Amino acid sequence: MVGRAKSTAKKQHEESDEKAELQRVAVNRYCAELEKPAEDRRGARRICEEVEIEHKNETGRYTHLNHATIIRHANGGKLLCKFNAEKCWLSGEEEEEVVLAFAEETAVARLGPTFKGVGEGWTDRFILRHSKHIQTIWSSSLEGACAGAANPTNNKQWFELLGEQLKDVNPDCIWAADETGIQTGAAVHQHVIGKKGALYTFPPISRKFTRNYKEFTRNDFHSWSFLVRAIWQRIPAK
């Protein structure tokens, strides 16, 4: 995201993936050299330097490759990233399937009291590994998003309207509100999981909308559903 600094853990994760890919390229080139006659072969050190220079020219970043590591991998040694992947609770294919198909749908679902858990810090690591698909965000209430239209007169009329609508409603049937019947304000947030990218955008609230909103709430006090739609969609209420 533009203007948002990456965490140290995120940068380390990206650097690890980048280095693993460069090692794979170097190993493939080294194995291809082994098929040539001995007098025509390039050594692992030369191949590492070649891959490092190509990567530096392409990205502007320098990543060091150890020629001994390349030789060991070419002889059947296991990549560190593959070794760590084998210790994961889910395989790479299973994690991709979970992220792409189920993560967004089940992120807010309750798993129940019998869920054993997946280990300390697993959720953060899972989101970090799949940050191309999902991200954590701070929620923002509707009142906070609509603050551009707020003024003392509108606030008074809003709470009068809210009180009129809630007075006959069973408290157990009031969603997303505390015992006073008021939803959490702009200063109260929750850390939630959502898909990658902007989840919603709001255009600026115009002076015309504020004026129409006041006029509408005064003249058509009981049209609750249309009022909510007008606030949410940012359309001039008529």
C-alpha atoms as a PDB file:
ATOM      1  CA  MET A   1       0.000   0.000   0.000  1.00  0.00           C
ATOM      2  CA  VAL A   2       1.347   3.414  -0.953  1.00  0.00           C
ATOM      3  CA  GLY A   3       2.521   5.459   2.028  1.00  0.00           C
ATOM      4  CA  ARG A   4       2.392   2.540   4.451  1.00  0.00           C
ATOM      5  CA  ALA A   5       5.701   1.279   5.841  1.00  0.00           C
ATOM      6  CA  LYS A   6       6.379  -2.452   5.814  1.00  0.00           C
ATOM      7  CA  SER A   7       7.077  -4.183   9.091  1.00  0.00           C
ATOM      8  CA  THR A   8      10.467  -5.745   9.781  1.00  0.00           C
ATOM      9  CA  ALA A   9       8.914  -9.216   9.719  1.00  0.00           C
ATOM     10  CA  LYS A  10       7.277  -8.497   6.359  1.00  0.00           C
ATOM     11  CA  LYS A  11      10.552  -7.297   4.844  1.00  0.00           C
ATOM     12  CA  GLN A  12      12.387 -10.349   6.177  1.00  0.00           C
ATOM     13  CA  HIS A  13       9.707 -12.609   4.704  1.00  0.00           C
ATOM     14  CA  GLU A  14       9.982 -10.970   1.272  1.00  0.00           C
ATOM     15  CA  GLU A  15      13.784 -11.110   1.362  1.00  0.00           C
ATOM     16  CA  SER A  16      13.659 -14.814   2.240  1.00  0.00           C
ATOM     17  CA  ASP A  17      11.314 -15.582  -0.667  1.00  0.00           C
ATOM     18  CA  GLU A  18      13.455 -13.507  -3.014  1.00  0.00           C
ATOM     19  CA  LYS A  19      16.660 -15.267  -1.990  1.00  0.00           C
ATOM     20  CA  ALA A  20      15.048 -18.709  -2.300  1.00  0.00           C
ATOM     21  CA  GLU A  21      14.028 -17.899  -5.886  1.00  0.00           C
ATOM     22  CA  LEU A  22      17.548 -16.702  -6.754  1.00  0.00           C
ATOM     23  CA  GLN A  23      19.016 -19.864  -5.240  1.00  0.00           C
ATOM     24  CA  ARG A  24      16.667 -21.949  -7.376  1.00  0.00           C
ATOM     25  CA  VAL A  25      17.823 -20.113 -10.514  1.00  0.00           C
ATOM     26  CA  ALA A  26      21.484 -20.560  -9.578  1.00  0.00           C
ATOM     27  CA  VAL A  27      21.039 -24.277  -8.829  1.00  0.00           C
ATOM     28  CA  ASN A  28      19.347 -24.866 -12.190  1.00  0.00           C
ATOM     29  CA  ARG A  29      22.167 -23.080 -14.021  1.00  0.00           C
ATOM     30  CA  TYR A  30      24.818 -24.971 -12.084  1.00  0.00           C
ATOM     31  CA  CYS A  31      23.155 -28.315 -12.842  1.00  0.00           C
ATOM     32  CA  ALA A  32      23.064 -27.354 -16.530  1.00  0.00           C
ATOM     33  CA  GLU A  33      26.795 -26.585 -16.398  1.00  0.00           C
ATOM     34  CA  LEU A  34      27.494 -30.046 -14.981  1.00  0.00           C
ATOM     35  CA  GLU A  35      26.183 -31.534 -18.223  1.00  0.00           C
ATOM     36  CA  LYS A  36      28.947 -29.800 -20.191  1.00  0.00           C
ATOM     37  CA  PRO A  37      32.517 -31.041 -20.603  1.00  0.00           C
ATOM     38  CA  ALA A  38      34.746 -30.206 -17.645  1.00  0.00           C
ATOM     39  CA  GLU A  39      36.861 -27.719 -19.609  1.00  0.00           C
ATOM     40  CA  ASP A  40      33.762 -25.710 -20.634  1.00  0.00           C
ATOM     41  CA  ARG A  41      32.008 -25.556 -17.271  1.00  0.00           C
ATOM     42  CA  ARG A  42      31.502 -22.441 -15.201  1.00  0.00           C
ATOM     43  CA  GLY A  43      31.947 -22.842 -11.471  1.00  0.00           C
ATOM     44  CA  ALA A  44      29.303 -22.265  -8.808  1.00  0.00           C
ATOM     45  CA  ARG A  45      31.051 -19.084  -7.676  1.00  0.00           C
ATOM     46  CA  ARG A  46      30.868 -17.585 -11.176  1.00  0.00           C
ATOM     47  CA  ILE A  47      27.205 -18.544 -11.527  1.00  0.00           C
ATOM     48  CA  CYS A  48      26.356 -16.943  -8.163  1.00  0.00           C
ATOM     49  CA  GLU A  49      28.058 -13.713  -9.219  1.00  0.00           C
ATOM     50  CA  GLU A  50      26.139 -13.765 -12.507  1.00  0.00           C
ATOM     51  CA  VAL A  51      22.766 -14.228 -10.806  1.00  0.00           C
ATOM     52  CA  GLU A  52      23.581 -11.539  -8.222  1.00  0.00           C
ATOM     53  CA  ILE A  53      24.468  -9.005 -10.940  1.00  0.00           C
ATOM     54  CA  GLU A  54      21.354  -9.791 -12.988  1.00  0.00           C
ATOM     55  CA  HIS A  55      19.161  -9.377  -9.929  1.00  0.00           C
ATOM     56  CA  LYS A  56      20.879  -6.116  -8.940  1.00  0.00           C
ATOM     57  CA  ASN A  57      20.416  -4.677 -12.445  1.00  0.00           C
ATOM     58  CA  GLU A  58      16.761  -5.701 -12.525  1.00  0.00           C
ATOM     59  CA  THR A  59      15.636  -4.652  -9.032  1.00  0.00           C
ATOM     60  CA  GLY A  60      18.387  -2.409  -7.643  1.00  0.00           C
ATOM     61  CA  ARG A  61      18.763  -4.740  -4.642  1.00  0.00           C
ATOM     62  CA  TYR A  62      21.816  -6.863  -3.886  1.00  0.00           C
ATOM     63  CA  THR A  63      21.320 -10.372  -2.540  1.00  0.00           C
ATOM     64  CA  HIS A  64      24.366 -12.482  -1.715  1.00  0.00           C
ATOM     65  CA  LEU A  65      24.428 -16.138  -2.780  1.00  0.00           C
ATOM     66  CA  ASN A  66      26.841 -18.623  -1.225  1.00  0.00           C
ATOM     67  CA  HIS A  67      28.426 -20.889  -3.844  1.00  0.00           C
ATOM     68  CA  ALA A  68      28.858 -23.714  -1.318  1.00  0.00           C
ATOM     69  CA  THR A  69      25.118 -23.636  -0.623  1.00  0.00           C
ATOM     70  CA  ILE A  70      24.388 -23.867  -4.367  1.00  0.00           C
ATOM     71  CA  ILE A  71      26.675 -26.896  -4.711  1.00  0.00           C
ATOM     72  CA  ARG A  72      25.023 -28.577  -1.715  1.00  0.00           C
ATOM     73  CA  HIS A  73      21.544 -28.011  -3.154  1.00  0.00           C
ATOM     74  CA  ALA A  74      22.654 -29.325  -6.547  1.00  0.00           C
ATOM     75  CA  ASN A  75      23.844 -32.498  -4.810  1.00  0.00           C
ATOM     76  CA  GLY A  76      20.420 -33.082  -3.271  1.00  0.00           C
ATOM     77  CA  GLY A  77      20.494 -30.790  -0.262  1.00  0.00           C
ATOM     78  CA  LYS A  78      17.206 -29.343   0.929  1.00  0.00           C
ATOM     79  CA  LEU A  79      16.374 -25.642   0.683  1.00  0.00           C
ATOM     80  CA  LEU A  80      15.855 -23.959   4.044  1.00  0.00           C
ATOM     81  CA  CYS A  81      12.449 -22.658   2.933  1.00  0.00           C
ATOM     82  CA  LYS A  82      11.341 -26.202   2.039  1.00  0.00           C
ATOM     83  CA  PHE A  83      12.624 -27.519   5.366  1.00  0.00           C
ATOM     84  CA  ASN A  84      10.638 -24.874   7.249  1.00  0.00           C
ATOM     85  CA  ALA A  85       7.569 -25.516   5.082  1.00  0.00           C
ATOM     86  CA  GLU A  86       7.553 -29.179   6.127  1.00  0.00           C
ATOM     87  CA  LYS A  87       7.155 -28.089   9.758  1.00  0.00           C
ATOM     88  CA  CYS A  88       4.087 -25.992   9.007  1.00  0.00           C
ATOM     89  CA  TRP A  89       0.647 -27.095  10.155  1.00  0.00           C
ATOM     90  CA  LEU A  90      -0.661 -26.863   6.559  1.00  0.00           C
ATOM     91  CA  SER A  91       1.183 -27.529   3.318  1.00  0.00           C
ATOM     92  CA  GLY A  92       1.705 -24.696   0.872  1.00  0.00           C
ATOM     93  CA  GLU A  93      -1.067 -25.986  -1.391  1.00  0.00           C
ATOM     94  CA  GLU A  94      -3.473 -26.344   1.525  1.00  0.00           C
ATOM     95  CA  GLU A  95      -2.720 -22.850   2.782  1.00  0.00           C
ATOM     96  CA  GLU A  96      -3.296 -21.322  -0.660  1.00  0.00           C
ATOM     97  CA  GLU A  97      -6.632 -23.121  -0.908  1.00  0.00           C
ATOM     98  CA  VAL A  98      -7.649 -21.927   2.545  1.00  0.00           C
ATOM     99  CA  VAL A  99      -6.640 -18.340   1.827  1.00  0.00           C
ATOM    100  CA  LEU A 100      -8.259 -18.107  -1.590  1.00  0.00           C
ATOM    101  CA  ALA A 101     -11.459 -20.002  -0.818  1.00  0.00           C
ATOM    102  CA  PHE A 102     -12.239 -19.764   2.884  1.00  0.00           C
ATOM    103  CA  ALA A 103     -10.207 -17.163   4.803  1.00  0.00           C
ATOM    104  CA  GLU A 104     -12.381 -14.151   4.074  1.00  0.00           C
ATOM    105  CA  GLU A 105     -15.582 -16.135   4.625  1.00  0.00           C
ATOM    106  CA  THR A 106     -14.558 -17.671   7.955  1.00  0.00           C
ATOM    107  CA  ALA A 107     -12.375 -14.924   9.445  1.00  0.00           C
ATOM    108  CA  VAL A 108     -15.187 -13.654  11.674  1.00  0.00           C
ATOM    109  CA  ALA A 109     -16.819 -17.010  12.367  1.00  0.00           C
ATOM    110  CA  ARG A 110     -16.667 -18.447  15.880  1.00  0.00           C
ATOM    111  CA  LEU A 111     -14.781 -21.728  15.987  1.00  0.00           C
ATOM    112  CA  GLY A 112     -16.459 -22.973  19.147  1.00  0.00           C
ATOM    113  CA  PRO A 113     -15.150 -24.054  22.565  1.00  0.00           C
ATOM    114  CA  THR A 114     -13.727 -27.369  21.292  1.00  0.00           C
ATOM    115  CA  PHE A 115     -11.242 -25.737  18.921  1.00  0.00           C
ATOM    116  CA  LYS A 116      -7.753 -26.714  20.099  1.00  0.00           C
ATOM    117  CA  GLY A 117      -5.929 -23.782  18.574  1.00  0.00           C
ATOM    118  CA  VAL A 118      -2.999 -23.730  16.187  1.00  0.00           C
ATOM    119  CA  GLY A 119      -0.213 -22.373  18.374  1.00  0.00           C
ATOM    120  CA  GLU A 120       1.042 -19.056  19.686  1.00  0.00           C
ATOM    121  CA  GLY A 121       1.392 -16.381  17.023  1.00  0.00           C
ATOM    122  CA  TRP A 122       0.231 -18.691  14.216  1.00  0.00           C
ATOM    123  CA  THR A 123      -2.463 -16.306  12.977  1.00  0.00           C
ATOM    124  CA  ASP A 124       0.005 -13.435  12.536  1.00  0.00           C
ATOM    125  CA  ARG A 125       2.475 -15.664  10.698  1.00  0.00           C
ATOM    126  CA  PHE A 126      -0.291 -17.060   8.485  1.00  0.00           C
ATOM    127  CA  ILE A 127      -1.440 -13.567   7.470  1.00  0.00           C
ATOM    128  CA  LEU A 128       2.165 -12.502   6.872  1.00  0.00           C
ATOM    129  CA  ARG A 129       2.863 -15.452   4.562  1.00  0.00           C
ATOM    130  CA  HIS A 130      -0.244 -14.709   2.507  1.00  0.00           C
ATOM    131  CA  SER A 131      -0.210 -10.930   2.584  1.00  0.00           C
ATOM    132  CA  LYS A 132      -0.807 -10.878  -1.183  1.00  0.00           C
ATOM    133  CA  HIS A 133      -4.362 -12.060  -0.538  1.00  0.00           C
ATOM    134  CA  ILE A 134      -5.398 -10.910   2.952  1.00  0.00           C
ATOM    135  CA  GLN A 135      -4.493  -8.191   5.438  1.00  0.00           C
ATOM    136  CA  THR A 136      -5.391  -6.946   8.900  1.00  0.00           C
ATOM    137  CA  ILE A 137      -7.127  -3.592   9.186  1.00  0.00           C
ATOM    138  CA  TRP A 138      -8.617  -1.390  11.890  1.00  0.00           C
ATOM    139  CA  SER A 139     -12.379  -1.182  11.607  1.00  0.00           C
ATOM    140  CA  SER A 140     -14.109   2.179  11.441  1.00  0.00           C
ATOM    141  CA  SER A 141     -17.657   2.813  12.583  1.00  0.00           C
ATOM    142  CA  LEU A 142     -20.309   4.376  10.379  1.00  0.00           C
ATOM    143  CA  GLU A 143     -20.482   7.359  12.722  1.00  0.00           C
ATOM    144  CA  GLY A 144     -16.776   7.980  12.205  1.00  0.00           C
ATOM    145  CA  ALA A 145     -17.079   7.652   8.427  1.00  0.00           C
ATOM    146  CA  CYS A 146     -19.994  10.107   8.403  1.00  0.00           C
ATOM    147  CA  ALA A 147     -18.326  12.656  10.674  1.00  0.00           C
ATOM    148  CA  GLY A 148     -17.911  15.055   7.762  1.00  0.00           C
ATOM    149  CA  ALA A 149     -21.638  15.850   7.962  1.00  0.00           C
ATOM    150  CA  ALA A 150     -21.812  16.173  11.735  1.00  0.00           C
ATOM    151  CA  ASN A 151     -22.815  19.360  13.532  1.00  0.00           C
ATOM    152  CA  PRO A 152     -24.693  20.010  16.815  1.00  0.00           C
ATOM    153  CA  THR A 153     -28.076  20.359  15.106  1.00  0.00           C
ATOM    154  CA  ASN A 154     -27.708  17.142  13.146  1.00  0.00           C
ATOM    155  CA  ASN A 155     -26.406  15.288  16.200  1.00  0.00           C
ATOM    156  CA  LYS A 156     -29.461  16.320  18.240  1.00  0.00           C
ATOM    157  CA  GLN A 157     -31.860  15.277  15.493  1.00  0.00           C
ATOM    158  CA  TRP A 158     -29.975  12.023  14.984  1.00  0.00           C
ATOM    159  CA  PHE A 159     -30.243  10.937  18.613  1.00  0.00           C
ATOM    160  CA  GLU A 160     -33.902  11.933  18.711  1.00  0.00           C
ATOM    161  CA  LEU A 161     -34.499   9.776  15.660  1.00  0.00           C
ATOM    162  CA  LEU A 162     -32.450   6.914  17.112  1.00  0.00           C
ATOM    163  CA  GLY A 163     -34.294   7.052  20.431  1.00  0.00           C
ATOM    164  CA  GLU A 164     -37.691   7.040  18.744  1.00  0.00           C
ATOM    165  CA  GLN A 165     -36.785   3.965  16.729  1.00  0.00           C
ATOM    166  CA  LEU A 166     -35.184   2.021  19.608  1.00  0.00           C
ATOM    167  CA  LYS A 167     -37.621   2.667  22.440  1.00  0.00           C
ATOM    168  CA  ASP A 168     -39.853  -0.311  21.537  1.00  0.00           C
ATOM    169  CA  VAL A 169     -37.036  -2.669  20.514  1.00  0.00           C
ATOM    170  CA  ASN A 170     -35.921  -5.491  22.781  1.00  0.00           C
ATOM    171  CA  PRO A 171     -32.299  -4.813  23.848  1.00  0.00           C
ATOM    172  CA  ASP A 172     -31.371  -8.360  22.789  1.00  0.00           C
ATOM    173  CA  CYS A 173     -32.423  -7.490  19.249  1.00  0.00           C
ATOM    174  CA  ILE A 174     -30.234  -4.396  18.934  1.00  0.00           C
ATOM    175  CA  TRP A 175     -27.240  -5.315  16.814  1.00  0.00           C
ATOM    176  CA  ALA A 176     -23.762  -3.787  17.292  1.00  0.00           C
ATOM    177  CA  ALA A 177     -24.762  -1.503  20.162  1.00  0.00           C
ATOM    178  CA  ASP A 178     -23.989  -1.396  23.866  1.00  0.00           C
ATOM    179  CA  GLU A 179     -26.495  -1.374  26.730  1.00  0.00           C
ATOM    180  CA  THR A 180     -27.313   2.282  26.055  1.00  0.00           C
ATOM    181  CA  GLY A 181     -28.376   1.511  22.486  1.00  0.00           C
ATOM    182  CA  ILE A 182     -25.552   3.569  21.005  1.00  0.00           C
ATOM    183  CA  GLN A 183     -23.103   2.066  18.549  1.00  0.00           C
ATOM    184  CA  THR A 184     -19.400   2.445  19.245  1.00  0.00           C
ATOM    185  CA  GLY A 185     -18.015   5.783  18.153  1.00  0.00           C
ATOM    186  CA  ALA A 186     -15.085   6.764  15.995  1.00  0.00           C
ATOM    187  CA  ALA A 187     -12.573   6.301  18.832  1.00  0.00           C
ATOM    188  CA  VAL A 188     -13.409   2.588  19.229  1.00  0.00           C
ATOM    189  CA  HIS A 189     -11.889   0.207  16.678  1.00  0.00           C
ATOM    190  CA  GLN A 190     -11.398  -3.517  16.198  1.00  0.00           C
ATOM    191  CA  HIS A 191      -8.519  -5.304  14.478  1.00  0.00           C
ATOM    192  CA  VAL A 192     -10.104  -7.469  11.791  1.00  0.00           C
ATOM    193  CA  ILE A 193      -9.026  -9.605   8.819  1.00  0.00           C
ATOM    194  CA  GLY A 194     -10.105  -8.750   5.297  1.00  0.00           C
ATOM    195  CA  LYS A 195      -9.127  -9.173   1.675  1.00  0.00           C
ATOM    196  CA  LYS A 196      -6.131  -7.329   0.259  1.00  0.00           C
ATOM    197  CA  GLY A 197      -6.659  -3.755  -0.899  1.00  0.00           C
ATOM    198  CA  ALA A 198      -9.097  -1.014   0.001  1.00  0.00           C
ATOM    199  CA  LEU A 199     -12.276  -2.547   1.416  1.00  0.00           C
ATOM    200  CA  TYR A 200     -14.442   0.513   0.848  1.00  0.00           C
ATOM    201  CA  THR A 201     -14.135   4.141  -0.130  1.00  0.00           C
ATOM    202  CA  PHE A 202     -16.275   7.126   0.704  1.00  0.00           C
ATOM    203  CA  PRO A 203     -16.434  10.299  -1.378  1.00  0.00           C
ATOM    204  CA  PRO A 204     -16.357  13.573   0.561  1.00  0.00           C
ATOM    205  CA  ILE A 205     -19.686  14.592   2.083  1.00  0.00           C
ATOM    206  CA  SER A 206     -20.914  17.734   0.408  1.00  0.00           C
ATOM    207  CA  ARG A 207     -22.642  20.694   1.997  1.00  0.00           C
ATOM    208  CA  LYS A 208     -25.652  19.869  -0.185  1.00  0.00           C
ATOM    209  CA  PHE A 209     -25.947  16.414   1.354  1.00  0.00           C
ATOM    210  CA  THR A 210     -25.750  17.830   4.878  1.00  0.00           C
ATOM    211  CA  ARG A 211     -28.524  20.312   4.109  1.00  0.00           C
ATOM    212  CA  ASN A 212     -30.723  17.655   2.463  1.00  0.00           C
ATOM    213  CA  TYR A 213     -30.093  15.272   5.357  1.00  0.00           C
ATOM    214  CA  LYS A 214     -31.321  17.874   7.886  1.00  0.00           C
ATOM    215  CA  GLU A 215     -34.378  18.685   5.804  1.00  0.00           C
ATOM    216  CA  PHE A 216     -35.222  15.025   5.302  1.00  0.00           C
ATOM    217  CA  THR A 217     -34.951  14.036   8.973  1.00  0.00           C
ATOM    218  CA  ARG A 218     -37.194  16.938   9.919  1.00  0.00           C
ATOM    219  CA  ASN A 219     -39.902  16.326   7.290  1.00  0.00           C
ATOM    220  CA  ASP A 220     -39.904  12.530   7.071  1.00  0.00           C
ATOM    221  CA  PHE A 221     -38.939  11.441  10.561  1.00  0.00           C
ATOM    222  CA  HIS A 222     -40.132   7.830  10.367  1.00  0.00           C
ATOM    223  CA  SER A 223     -38.607   6.794   7.018  1.00  0.00           C
ATOM    224  CA  TRP A 224     -35.803   4.952   8.767  1.00  0.00           C
ATOM    225  CA  SER A 225     -34.775   2.558   5.998  1.00  0.00           C
ATOM    226  CA  PHE A 226     -34.409   5.242   3.348  1.00  0.00           C
ATOM    227  CA  LEU A 227     -32.431   7.423   5.750  1.00  0.00           C
ATOM    228  CA  VAL A 228     -29.937   4.620   6.351  1.00  0.00           C
ATOM    229  CA  ARG A 229     -29.571   4.038   2.627  1.00  0.00           C
ATOM    230  CA  ALA A 230     -29.093   7.756   2.030  1.00  0.00           C
ATOM    231  CA  ILE A 231     -26.316   7.945   4.607  1.00  0.00           C
ATOM    232  CA  TRP A 232     -24.612   4.785   3.355  1.00  0.00           C
ATOM    233  CA  GLN A 233     -24.781   5.521  -0.369  1.00  0.00           C
ATOM    234  CA  ARG A 234     -24.046   9.254   0.004  1.00  0.00           C
ATOM    235  CA  ILE A 235     -26.981  10.233  -2.221  1.00  0.00           C
ATOM    236  CA  PRO A 236     -29.011  13.414  -1.719  1.00  0.00           C
ATOM    237  CA  ALA A 237     -32.106  12.478   0.294  1.00  0.00           C
ATOM    238  CA  LYS A 238     -35.290  13.743  -1.316  1.00  0.00           C
END
